[in-house]
């Protein structure tokens, strides 16, 4: 990518949709840190690349936690934003991730996990609570173990809901916190470790043409991802549910 954010790779772009490879440790949108976020970086880039006067429209359709990298979609028109947001709400937009978690899980086991999650906005943390707790929201994901190595498991995760910190909290609740997760796995992770969670796939109908789009991103070949051969990340996807 040219302009002010050359480190953000564009995966796909047309007049309605922008799909990029989000680097780690950049917020999806402006937060209390004041650091530049994906939305502002991409708006600046579009303004420069297309020499656009005035404000540039870009709609935030989905979010990735700040330490998480991988494929992410934005809307370049209000119509696309509305339709993509509907796809997220109705679970038509299909999201898959890979994560490295502590512990050796049974391989090739696909499981559906459901929890009730409650967010504490005062400290930006989420916890598992009993079903029916006031303010709690149901969180559902599928996971499959792709491999085990050196005391870790590599899991493929399909989200069926999009709750804050969902994967991190649910896997920690199973006794398998993510590698590097300081918030939900501080007892087994070291300060400074990069969280091993990657957005690997987005699949959705184009908001205007209705063509089914499938976009992928693969984690970097660094620890702990390199405990497995790169081909392991080029898996077949779960069916849409």
Protein backbone atom coordinates (compact mmCIF):
# COMPACT_ATOMS: atom_id res chain seq x y z
CA UNK A 1 0.00 0.00 0.00
CA UNK A 2 1.24 3.49 -0.85
CA UNK A 3 0.84 6.71 1.09
CA UNK A 4 0.96 6.95 4.87
CA UNK A 5 0.55 3.24 5.63
CA UNK A 6 2.80 1.18 3.34
CA UNK A 7 2.82 -1.66 5.87
CA UNK A 8 -0.87 -2.49 5.32
CA UNK A 9 -1.34 -4.92 2.42
CA UNK A 10 -4.45 -4.59 0.28
CA UNK A 11 -5.85 -8.07 -0.49
CA UNK A 12 -8.84 -6.95 -2.57
CA UNK A 13 -10.38 -3.63 -3.56
CA UNK A 14 -13.16 -2.38 -5.80
CA UNK A 15 -15.58 0.57 -5.67
CA UNK A 16 -17.52 -0.92 -2.75
CA UNK A 17 -15.22 -3.13 -0.68
CA UNK A 18 -11.70 -2.94 0.75
CA UNK A 19 -10.11 -6.09 2.17
CA UNK A 20 -6.73 -5.74 3.87
CA UNK A 21 -4.21 -7.71 5.89
CA UNK A 22 -4.27 -6.06 9.33
CA UNK A 23 -0.87 -5.87 11.03
CA UNK A 24 -0.69 -6.82 14.71
CA UNK A 25 -0.88 -4.17 17.43
CA UNK A 26 -2.90 -1.61 15.48
CA UNK A 27 -6.39 -0.83 16.82
CA UNK A 28 -9.30 -1.45 14.46
CA UNK A 29 -10.72 1.96 15.35
CA UNK A 30 -9.73 4.90 17.53
CA UNK A 31 -9.32 4.05 21.21
CA UNK A 32 -8.05 5.68 24.39
CA UNK A 33 -4.41 5.11 23.41
CA UNK A 34 -4.61 7.79 20.72
CA UNK A 35 -2.51 5.56 18.44
CA UNK A 36 -3.30 5.57 14.74
CA UNK A 37 -5.93 2.95 13.98
CA UNK A 38 -6.86 0.95 10.88
CA UNK A 39 -9.82 3.15 9.99
CA UNK A 40 -7.82 6.38 10.03
CA UNK A 41 -4.78 4.85 8.33
CA UNK A 42 -6.87 3.48 5.50
CA UNK A 43 -8.85 6.70 5.07
CA UNK A 44 -5.58 8.61 4.79
CA UNK A 45 -4.27 6.11 2.26
CA UNK A 46 -7.42 6.27 0.10
CA UNK A 47 -7.31 10.06 0.18
CA UNK A 48 -3.73 10.07 -1.06
CA UNK A 49 -4.00 7.24 -3.60
CA UNK A 50 -7.13 8.64 -5.24
CA UNK A 51 -6.40 12.33 -4.63
CA UNK A 52 -9.77 12.76 -2.94
CA UNK A 53 -10.77 16.19 -1.62
CA UNK A 54 -12.54 16.47 1.73
CA UNK A 55 -13.45 13.55 3.95
CA UNK A 56 -13.13 9.98 2.71
CA UNK A 57 -15.91 7.53 3.59
CA UNK A 58 -14.87 4.15 4.97
CA UNK A 59 -17.19 1.95 7.01
CA UNK A 60 -15.97 -0.30 9.82
CA UNK A 61 -17.83 -3.58 9.31
CA UNK A 62 -16.00 -5.90 11.72
CA UNK A 63 -13.30 -5.51 14.35
CA UNK A 64 -10.17 -7.38 15.31
CA UNK A 65 -8.61 -7.00 18.75
CA UNK A 66 -5.55 -4.77 18.70
CA UNK A 67 -2.97 -7.60 19.08
CA UNK A 68 -4.62 -9.75 16.39
CA UNK A 69 -3.55 -9.70 12.74
CA UNK A 70 -5.05 -10.99 9.53
CA UNK A 71 -7.79 -10.45 6.97
CA UNK A 72 -10.28 -7.64 7.61
CA UNK A 73 -12.99 -6.03 5.45
CA UNK A 74 -14.11 -2.40 5.21
CA UNK A 75 -16.91 -0.79 3.21
CA UNK A 76 -16.16 2.05 0.78
CA UNK A 77 -19.81 3.15 0.43
CA UNK A 78 -22.67 3.54 2.88
CA UNK A 79 -24.72 1.01 0.89
CA UNK A 80 -21.96 -1.58 1.17
CA UNK A 81 -21.54 -0.81 4.88
CA UNK A 82 -25.23 -1.40 5.54
CA UNK A 83 -25.34 -4.65 3.61
CA UNK A 84 -22.10 -6.02 5.06
CA UNK A 85 -23.23 -5.09 8.57
CA UNK A 86 -26.42 -7.05 7.93
CA UNK A 87 -24.30 -10.01 6.83
CA UNK A 88 -22.35 -9.82 10.09
CA UNK A 89 -25.56 -9.59 12.12
CA UNK A 90 -27.21 -12.52 10.31
CA UNK A 91 -23.98 -14.55 10.31
CA UNK A 92 -23.79 -14.72 6.53
CA UNK A 93 -20.28 -13.27 6.67
CA UNK A 94 -18.13 -16.29 7.54
CA UNK A 95 -15.05 -15.80 9.75
CA UNK A 96 -12.25 -18.25 10.51
CA UNK A 97 -9.15 -17.94 12.66
CA UNK A 98 -6.16 -19.96 13.76
CA UNK A 99 -4.74 -19.80 17.27
CA UNK A 100 -1.96 -21.41 19.26
CA UNK A 101 -3.17 -22.41 22.71
CA UNK A 102 -1.50 -23.88 25.76
CA UNK A 103 -2.11 -27.60 26.28
CA UNK A 104 -2.30 -30.72 24.14
CA UNK A 105 -5.82 -31.19 22.79
CA UNK A 106 -7.10 -34.27 20.90
CA UNK A 107 -6.29 -33.82 17.22
CA UNK A 108 -8.90 -33.66 14.43
CA UNK A 109 -11.67 -33.17 16.98
CA UNK A 110 -14.29 -30.60 15.97
CA UNK A 111 -16.29 -29.20 18.86
CA UNK A 112 -18.90 -26.50 19.29
CA UNK A 113 -18.44 -24.33 22.38
CA UNK A 114 -21.12 -22.08 23.86
CA UNK A 115 -20.70 -19.65 26.76
CA UNK A 116 -22.45 -16.61 28.18
CA UNK A 117 -20.06 -13.65 28.20
CA UNK A 118 -20.30 -10.44 30.17
CA UNK A 119 -18.12 -7.43 29.37
CA UNK A 120 -16.81 -5.07 32.06
CA UNK A 121 -16.32 -1.87 30.09
CA UNK A 122 -14.57 -0.14 33.01
CA UNK A 123 -11.52 -2.43 32.64
CA UNK A 124 -12.17 -3.75 29.09
CA UNK A 125 -12.33 -7.39 30.10
CA UNK A 126 -14.85 -10.15 29.42
CA UNK A 127 -15.73 -13.11 31.62
CA UNK A 128 -17.80 -16.26 31.39
CA UNK A 129 -20.95 -16.06 33.52
CA UNK A 130 -23.97 -18.31 34.13
CA UNK A 131 -26.60 -18.35 31.39
CA UNK A 132 -29.28 -15.76 32.00
CA UNK A 133 -26.98 -13.28 33.74
CA UNK A 134 -28.22 -9.74 33.12
CA UNK A 135 -26.28 -8.06 30.32
CA UNK A 136 -24.55 -11.28 29.21
CA UNK A 137 -24.52 -12.36 25.57
CA UNK A 138 -24.32 -15.85 24.12
CA UNK A 139 -21.02 -16.67 22.39
CA UNK A 140 -20.63 -19.65 20.05
CA UNK A 141 -17.61 -21.00 18.19
CA UNK A 142 -16.39 -24.23 16.60
CA UNK A 143 -12.81 -25.36 16.95
CA UNK A 144 -10.74 -28.13 15.42
CA UNK A 145 -7.23 -29.15 16.48
CA UNK A 146 -4.89 -29.14 13.48
CA UNK A 147 -1.73 -30.19 15.30
CA UNK A 148 0.17 -30.34 18.58
CA UNK A 149 3.79 -29.44 19.27
CA UNK A 150 6.01 -28.47 22.21
CA UNK A 151 3.13 -28.38 24.67
CA UNK A 152 0.89 -26.29 22.39
CA UNK A 153 -2.10 -27.02 20.18
CA UNK A 154 -2.84 -25.31 16.88
CA UNK A 155 -6.58 -24.81 16.52
CA UNK A 156 -8.78 -23.65 13.67
CA UNK A 157 -11.73 -21.61 14.89
CA UNK A 158 -14.97 -20.62 13.21
CA UNK A 159 -16.93 -17.84 14.89
CA UNK A 160 -20.71 -17.97 14.90
CA UNK A 161 -21.01 -14.84 17.03
CA UNK A 162 -18.78 -11.79 17.23
CA UNK A 163 -18.42 -10.97 20.92
CA UNK A 164 -15.53 -8.85 22.29
CA UNK A 165 -12.46 -10.98 23.07
CA UNK A 166 -14.61 -14.03 22.33
CA UNK A 167 -11.97 -16.52 21.18
CA UNK A 168 -9.53 -15.50 23.89
CA UNK A 169 -12.10 -15.81 26.69
CA UNK A 170 -13.71 -19.02 25.49
CA UNK A 171 -10.43 -20.87 24.96
CA UNK A 172 -9.18 -19.70 28.37
CA UNK A 173 -12.43 -20.96 29.89
CA UNK A 174 -11.62 -24.38 28.41
CA UNK A 175 -8.29 -24.32 30.24
CA UNK A 176 -6.34 -23.56 27.05
CA UNK A 177 -5.44 -19.86 27.02
CA UNK A 178 -3.88 -18.44 23.86
CA UNK A 179 -0.12 -18.20 23.59
CA UNK A 180 0.96 -14.66 24.47
CA UNK A 181 -2.43 -13.52 25.80
CA UNK A 182 -1.57 -11.33 28.78
CA UNK A 183 -5.19 -10.51 29.60
CA UNK A 184 -6.67 -14.00 29.82
CA UNK A 185 -3.57 -16.16 30.19
CA UNK A 186 -1.16 -14.13 32.34
CA UNK A 187 -0.35 -17.13 34.54
CA UNK A 188 1.18 -19.10 31.65
CA UNK A 189 2.45 -16.35 29.33
CA UNK A 190 5.45 -14.06 29.60
CA UNK A 191 5.22 -10.27 29.29
CA UNK A 192 6.03 -9.09 25.80
CA UNK A 193 4.91 -12.24 24.00
CA UNK A 194 2.79 -11.58 20.90
CA UNK A 195 -0.64 -13.16 21.06
CA UNK A 196 -0.98 -16.08 18.62
CA UNK A 197 -4.38 -15.41 17.07
CA UNK A 198 -4.80 -14.76 13.34
CA UNK A 199 -7.79 -13.93 11.17
CA UNK A 200 -7.24 -16.38 8.30
CA UNK A 201 -10.43 -16.24 6.25
CA UNK A 202 -13.41 -14.04 5.41
CA UNK A 203 -16.12 -15.32 3.07
CA UNK A 204 -19.16 -13.27 2.10
CA UNK A 205 -21.38 -12.33 -0.83
CA UNK A 206 -20.27 -9.08 -2.46
CA UNK A 207 -22.68 -6.41 -1.17
CA UNK A 208 -23.56 -5.27 -4.71
CA UNK A 209 -22.75 -8.01 -7.24
CA UNK A 210 -23.61 -10.89 -4.83
CA UNK A 211 -20.53 -12.80 -6.05
CA UNK A 212 -19.19 -15.01 -3.26
CA UNK A 213 -15.83 -13.61 -2.15
CA UNK A 214 -13.26 -15.64 -0.21
CA UNK A 215 -10.18 -13.87 1.14
CA UNK A 216 -7.34 -15.38 3.15
CA UNK A 217 -4.35 -14.38 5.22
CA UNK A 218 -1.72 -16.61 6.79
CA UNK A 219 0.20 -16.04 10.04
CA UNK A 220 3.87 -15.07 9.89
CA UNK A 221 6.50 -17.78 10.04
CA UNK A 222 7.77 -16.87 13.48
CA UNK A 223 7.39 -18.45 16.91
CA UNK A 224 5.02 -20.07 17.79
CA UNK A 225 3.48 -20.32 14.29
CA UNK A 226 6.62 -21.91 12.87
CA UNK A 227 6.20 -24.94 15.16
CA UNK A 228 4.16 -26.25 12.22
CA UNK A 229 4.86 -26.35 8.50
CA UNK A 230 3.24 -23.48 6.52
CA UNK A 231 1.01 -25.87 4.53
CA UNK A 232 -0.98 -26.66 7.67
CA UNK A 233 -2.59 -23.22 7.49
CA UNK A 234 -3.99 -23.81 3.99
CA UNK A 235 -6.88 -25.89 5.21
CA UNK A 236 -10.36 -26.56 3.88
CA UNK A 237 -12.95 -24.44 5.62
CA UNK A 238 -15.83 -25.44 7.81
CA UNK A 239 -19.17 -25.33 5.96
CA UNK A 240 -21.32 -22.30 6.59
CA UNK A 241 -23.83 -22.95 9.35
